[in-house]
N, C-alpha and C. Protein backbone atom coordinates (compact mmCIF):
# COMPACT_ATOMS: atom_id res chain seq x y z
N MET A 1 70.52 88.53 106.99
CA MET A 1 70.23 87.14 106.74
C MET A 1 70.03 86.95 105.24
N ALA A 2 70.40 85.77 104.78
CA ALA A 2 70.26 85.44 103.37
C ALA A 2 69.98 83.96 103.23
N VAL A 3 69.58 83.57 102.03
CA VAL A 3 69.32 82.17 101.72
C VAL A 3 69.91 81.84 100.35
N VAL A 4 70.45 80.63 100.23
CA VAL A 4 71.04 80.15 98.98
C VAL A 4 70.43 78.79 98.67
N GLY A 5 70.07 78.57 97.42
CA GLY A 5 69.55 77.26 97.05
C GLY A 5 68.75 77.31 95.77
N GLU A 6 67.95 76.29 95.57
CA GLU A 6 67.15 76.18 94.36
C GLU A 6 66.17 77.35 94.26
N ARG A 7 65.96 77.80 93.04
CA ARG A 7 65.14 78.99 92.78
C ARG A 7 63.77 78.92 93.47
N ASP A 8 63.07 77.83 93.30
CA ASP A 8 61.73 77.71 93.88
C ASP A 8 61.75 77.77 95.40
N ALA A 9 62.79 77.26 96.01
CA ALA A 9 62.89 77.24 97.47
C ALA A 9 63.22 78.61 98.04
N VAL A 10 64.06 79.37 97.36
CA VAL A 10 64.50 80.65 97.92
C VAL A 10 63.49 81.77 97.71
N LEU A 11 62.56 81.59 96.79
CA LEU A 11 61.57 82.65 96.53
C LEU A 11 60.73 82.99 97.76
N ALA A 12 60.39 82.00 98.55
CA ALA A 12 59.59 82.25 99.76
C ALA A 12 60.36 83.14 100.73
N PHE A 13 61.67 82.95 100.83
CA PHE A 13 62.48 83.77 101.72
C PHE A 13 62.55 85.21 101.20
N LYS A 14 62.63 85.36 99.89
CA LYS A 14 62.67 86.69 99.29
C LYS A 14 61.38 87.45 99.58
N ALA A 15 60.28 86.73 99.62
CA ALA A 15 58.98 87.35 99.88
C ALA A 15 58.92 87.99 101.26
N VAL A 16 59.74 87.52 102.20
CA VAL A 16 59.74 88.11 103.54
C VAL A 16 60.91 89.06 103.74
N GLY A 17 61.55 89.46 102.61
CA GLY A 17 62.56 90.50 102.67
C GLY A 17 64.00 90.06 102.83
N MET A 18 64.27 88.77 102.77
CA MET A 18 65.65 88.29 102.90
C MET A 18 66.35 88.34 101.54
N THR A 19 67.66 88.44 101.58
CA THR A 19 68.45 88.30 100.37
C THR A 19 68.35 86.84 99.94
N ALA A 20 67.96 86.61 98.71
CA ALA A 20 67.75 85.24 98.22
C ALA A 20 68.57 85.04 96.95
N LEU A 21 69.51 84.10 97.01
CA LEU A 21 70.36 83.82 95.86
C LEU A 21 70.06 82.43 95.32
N SER A 22 69.62 82.40 94.08
CA SER A 22 69.31 81.14 93.43
C SER A 22 70.59 80.55 92.86
N ALA A 23 70.91 79.32 93.24
CA ALA A 23 72.09 78.64 92.74
C ALA A 23 71.86 77.13 92.81
N GLU A 24 72.20 76.44 91.74
CA GLU A 24 71.98 74.99 91.72
C GLU A 24 73.25 74.20 91.45
N ARG A 25 74.25 74.80 90.81
CA ARG A 25 75.52 74.11 90.56
C ARG A 25 76.47 74.38 91.72
N ALA A 26 77.30 73.40 92.06
CA ALA A 26 78.19 73.50 93.21
C ALA A 26 79.04 74.77 93.18
N GLU A 27 79.60 75.10 92.03
CA GLU A 27 80.45 76.29 91.97
C GLU A 27 79.67 77.58 92.20
N ASP A 28 78.42 77.63 91.75
CA ASP A 28 77.59 78.81 91.98
C ASP A 28 77.18 78.91 93.45
N ILE A 29 76.89 77.77 94.06
CA ILE A 29 76.51 77.74 95.48
C ILE A 29 77.69 78.19 96.33
N ALA A 30 78.87 77.66 96.03
CA ALA A 30 80.08 78.04 96.78
C ALA A 30 80.37 79.52 96.63
N ARG A 31 80.27 80.04 95.42
CA ARG A 31 80.51 81.47 95.17
C ARG A 31 79.52 82.33 95.96
N ALA A 32 78.26 81.93 95.97
CA ALA A 32 77.24 82.69 96.69
C ALA A 32 77.54 82.73 98.19
N VAL A 33 77.90 81.58 98.75
CA VAL A 33 78.21 81.51 100.18
C VAL A 33 79.42 82.37 100.51
N HIS A 34 80.48 82.25 99.70
CA HIS A 34 81.69 83.06 99.93
C HIS A 34 81.39 84.56 99.83
N ASN A 35 80.61 84.94 98.83
CA ASN A 35 80.28 86.37 98.67
C ASN A 35 79.47 86.89 99.85
N LEU A 36 78.50 86.12 100.28
CA LEU A 36 77.68 86.54 101.43
C LEU A 36 78.54 86.66 102.68
N ALA A 37 79.44 85.72 102.89
CA ALA A 37 80.33 85.76 104.06
C ALA A 37 81.23 86.99 103.98
N ARG A 38 81.78 87.26 102.82
CA ARG A 38 82.66 88.41 102.62
C ARG A 38 81.92 89.73 102.87
N GLU A 39 80.63 89.76 102.52
CA GLU A 39 79.82 90.96 102.72
C GLU A 39 79.38 91.14 104.17
N GLY A 40 79.67 90.16 105.02
CA GLY A 40 79.34 90.27 106.44
C GLY A 40 77.98 89.73 106.82
N THR A 41 77.38 88.90 105.98
CA THR A 41 76.10 88.29 106.31
C THR A 41 76.29 87.38 107.52
N ALA A 42 75.51 87.61 108.57
CA ALA A 42 75.68 86.85 109.82
C ALA A 42 75.05 85.47 109.77
N VAL A 43 73.91 85.33 109.08
CA VAL A 43 73.19 84.06 109.02
C VAL A 43 72.87 83.75 107.56
N ILE A 44 73.31 82.58 107.13
CA ILE A 44 73.01 82.12 105.77
C ILE A 44 72.24 80.81 105.88
N PHE A 45 71.01 80.82 105.41
CA PHE A 45 70.24 79.59 105.28
C PHE A 45 70.59 79.01 103.92
N ILE A 46 70.75 77.71 103.86
CA ILE A 46 71.08 77.04 102.61
C ILE A 46 70.23 75.79 102.52
N THR A 47 69.65 75.56 101.35
CA THR A 47 68.81 74.37 101.23
C THR A 47 69.68 73.14 101.41
N GLU A 48 69.10 72.09 101.94
CA GLU A 48 69.85 70.86 102.19
C GLU A 48 70.46 70.31 100.89
N ARG A 49 69.73 70.42 99.82
CA ARG A 49 70.24 69.93 98.53
C ARG A 49 71.49 70.72 98.12
N ALA A 50 71.45 72.02 98.29
CA ALA A 50 72.61 72.86 97.95
C ALA A 50 73.77 72.57 98.91
N ALA A 51 73.47 72.45 100.18
CA ALA A 51 74.51 72.18 101.18
C ALA A 51 75.20 70.86 100.90
N GLY A 52 74.45 69.88 100.43
CA GLY A 52 75.02 68.58 100.13
C GLY A 52 76.04 68.61 99.01
N GLN A 53 76.01 69.66 98.20
CA GLN A 53 76.95 69.79 97.09
C GLN A 53 78.26 70.47 97.48
N ILE A 54 78.29 71.12 98.65
CA ILE A 54 79.50 71.86 99.04
C ILE A 54 79.94 71.56 100.47
N PRO A 55 80.07 70.29 100.84
CA PRO A 55 80.43 69.97 102.22
C PRO A 55 81.77 70.57 102.66
N GLU A 56 82.72 70.65 101.74
CA GLU A 56 84.03 71.20 102.10
C GLU A 56 83.96 72.70 102.40
N ILE A 57 83.09 73.40 101.71
CA ILE A 57 82.91 74.84 101.96
C ILE A 57 82.25 75.03 103.32
N LEU A 58 81.24 74.24 103.61
CA LEU A 58 80.56 74.34 104.90
C LEU A 58 81.53 74.03 106.04
N ALA A 59 82.40 73.07 105.82
CA ALA A 59 83.39 72.71 106.84
C ALA A 59 84.34 73.88 107.12
N GLN A 60 84.69 74.64 106.10
CA GLN A 60 85.56 75.81 106.27
C GLN A 60 84.96 76.82 107.23
N TYR A 61 83.66 77.04 107.10
CA TYR A 61 83.00 78.06 107.91
C TYR A 61 82.55 77.54 109.27
N GLN A 62 82.54 76.24 109.46
CA GLN A 62 82.02 75.66 110.70
C GLN A 62 82.79 76.14 111.93
N SER A 63 84.08 76.35 111.79
CA SER A 63 84.89 76.76 112.94
C SER A 63 84.91 78.28 113.13
N GLU A 64 84.28 79.01 112.22
CA GLU A 64 84.23 80.47 112.31
C GLU A 64 82.96 80.89 113.05
N PRO A 65 83.05 82.00 113.81
CA PRO A 65 81.84 82.46 114.50
C PRO A 65 80.77 82.99 113.55
N PHE A 66 81.18 83.54 112.43
CA PHE A 66 80.24 84.06 111.43
C PHE A 66 80.76 83.72 110.04
N PRO A 67 79.91 83.42 109.14
CA PRO A 67 78.47 83.37 109.26
C PRO A 67 78.00 82.02 109.84
N ALA A 68 76.84 82.03 110.43
CA ALA A 68 76.18 80.79 110.81
C ALA A 68 75.49 80.29 109.55
N ILE A 69 75.85 79.09 109.11
CA ILE A 69 75.25 78.52 107.90
C ILE A 69 74.32 77.40 108.33
N ILE A 70 73.04 77.58 108.04
CA ILE A 70 72.01 76.69 108.56
C ILE A 70 71.27 75.99 107.41
N PRO A 71 71.46 74.67 107.27
CA PRO A 71 70.72 73.94 106.24
C PRO A 71 69.22 73.87 106.58
N VAL A 72 68.41 74.08 105.56
CA VAL A 72 66.95 74.00 105.72
C VAL A 72 66.40 73.12 104.59
N PRO A 73 65.28 72.46 104.83
CA PRO A 73 64.69 71.64 103.76
C PRO A 73 64.32 72.50 102.56
N GLY A 74 64.44 71.94 101.39
CA GLY A 74 64.01 72.61 100.17
C GLY A 74 62.60 72.21 99.82
N ILE A 75 62.20 72.55 98.62
CA ILE A 75 60.83 72.23 98.21
C ILE A 75 60.64 70.75 97.94
N ARG A 76 61.72 70.01 97.76
CA ARG A 76 61.62 68.57 97.52
C ARG A 76 61.62 67.77 98.81
N GLY A 77 61.58 68.46 99.95
CA GLY A 77 61.50 67.76 101.22
C GLY A 77 62.79 67.75 101.99
N ASN A 78 62.74 67.08 103.11
CA ASN A 78 63.84 67.03 104.07
C ASN A 78 64.75 65.85 103.76
N THR A 79 66.06 66.13 103.66
CA THR A 79 67.03 65.05 103.43
C THR A 79 67.64 64.55 104.73
N GLY A 80 67.42 65.28 105.82
CA GLY A 80 67.99 64.91 107.11
C GLY A 80 69.32 65.59 107.39
N LEU A 81 69.90 66.29 106.42
CA LEU A 81 71.19 66.93 106.60
C LEU A 81 71.15 67.98 107.70
N GLY A 82 70.12 68.79 107.73
CA GLY A 82 70.01 69.82 108.77
C GLY A 82 69.98 69.23 110.17
N MET A 83 69.21 68.18 110.37
CA MET A 83 69.13 67.55 111.69
C MET A 83 70.44 66.87 112.06
N ARG A 84 71.09 66.25 111.10
CA ARG A 84 72.39 65.62 111.38
C ARG A 84 73.41 66.68 111.82
N ASN A 85 73.42 67.82 111.14
CA ASN A 85 74.35 68.89 111.52
C ASN A 85 74.01 69.46 112.89
N LEU A 86 72.74 69.64 113.16
CA LEU A 86 72.31 70.15 114.46
C LEU A 86 72.72 69.18 115.56
N ARG A 87 72.49 67.91 115.33
CA ARG A 87 72.85 66.88 116.32
C ARG A 87 74.36 66.87 116.56
N ALA A 88 75.15 66.94 115.49
CA ALA A 88 76.61 66.92 115.63
C ALA A 88 77.10 68.15 116.38
N ASN A 89 76.53 69.31 116.09
CA ASN A 89 76.95 70.53 116.77
C ASN A 89 76.55 70.51 118.25
N ALA A 90 75.36 70.01 118.54
CA ALA A 90 74.93 69.92 119.93
C ALA A 90 75.82 68.95 120.71
N GLU A 91 76.13 67.82 120.10
CA GLU A 91 76.98 66.83 120.76
C GLU A 91 78.39 67.39 120.97
N LYS A 92 78.88 68.12 120.00
CA LYS A 92 80.20 68.74 120.12
C LYS A 92 80.23 69.76 121.25
N ALA A 93 79.18 70.55 121.38
CA ALA A 93 79.14 71.59 122.39
C ALA A 93 78.87 71.05 123.79
N ILE A 94 78.01 70.02 123.88
CA ILE A 94 77.56 69.55 125.19
C ILE A 94 78.26 68.26 125.61
N GLY A 95 78.65 67.47 124.63
CA GLY A 95 79.34 66.22 124.95
C GLY A 95 78.46 64.99 124.86
N SER A 96 77.18 65.17 124.57
CA SER A 96 76.31 64.03 124.37
C SER A 96 75.15 64.42 123.47
N ASP A 97 74.48 63.43 122.92
CA ASP A 97 73.36 63.67 122.02
C ASP A 97 72.11 63.92 122.86
N ILE A 98 71.74 65.19 122.98
CA ILE A 98 70.55 65.53 123.77
C ILE A 98 69.28 65.50 122.93
N LEU A 99 69.42 65.27 121.64
CA LEU A 99 68.26 65.30 120.75
C LEU A 99 67.62 63.93 120.57
N PHE A 100 68.22 62.89 121.14
CA PHE A 100 67.68 61.53 121.14
C PHE A 100 67.14 61.11 119.79
N SER A 101 68.01 60.74 118.94
CA SER A 101 67.68 60.36 117.58
C SER A 101 66.80 59.12 117.53
N ARG A 102 65.86 59.13 116.61
CA ARG A 102 65.07 57.94 116.31
C ARG A 102 65.75 57.13 115.23
N GLU A 103 66.77 57.75 114.61
CA GLU A 103 67.51 57.08 113.54
C GLU A 103 68.50 56.10 114.15
N GLY A 104 68.85 55.09 113.38
CA GLY A 104 69.92 54.15 113.72
C GLY A 104 69.87 53.64 115.05
């Protein structure tokens, strides 16, 4: 397992023994994700802020069984990206929104 995102956000993951890659520019985030995938990392956590900068890269991996790329809130709070992705994936797999959104 690994995490990619803003330096302050990934430090907590490093403290529990995960590979933590600090990246803030889109090209650095994309490179980190590609490298982790190439190395066989099964689960990549990515801060929502970082994920928002590379939607096309995330889309490439979405149809692949590995790695699972999971957006998580960063230190600046939750943007809602992780929940939107979870809702979309659940609806795609099950055929309906079982998470009953309070949004919209």
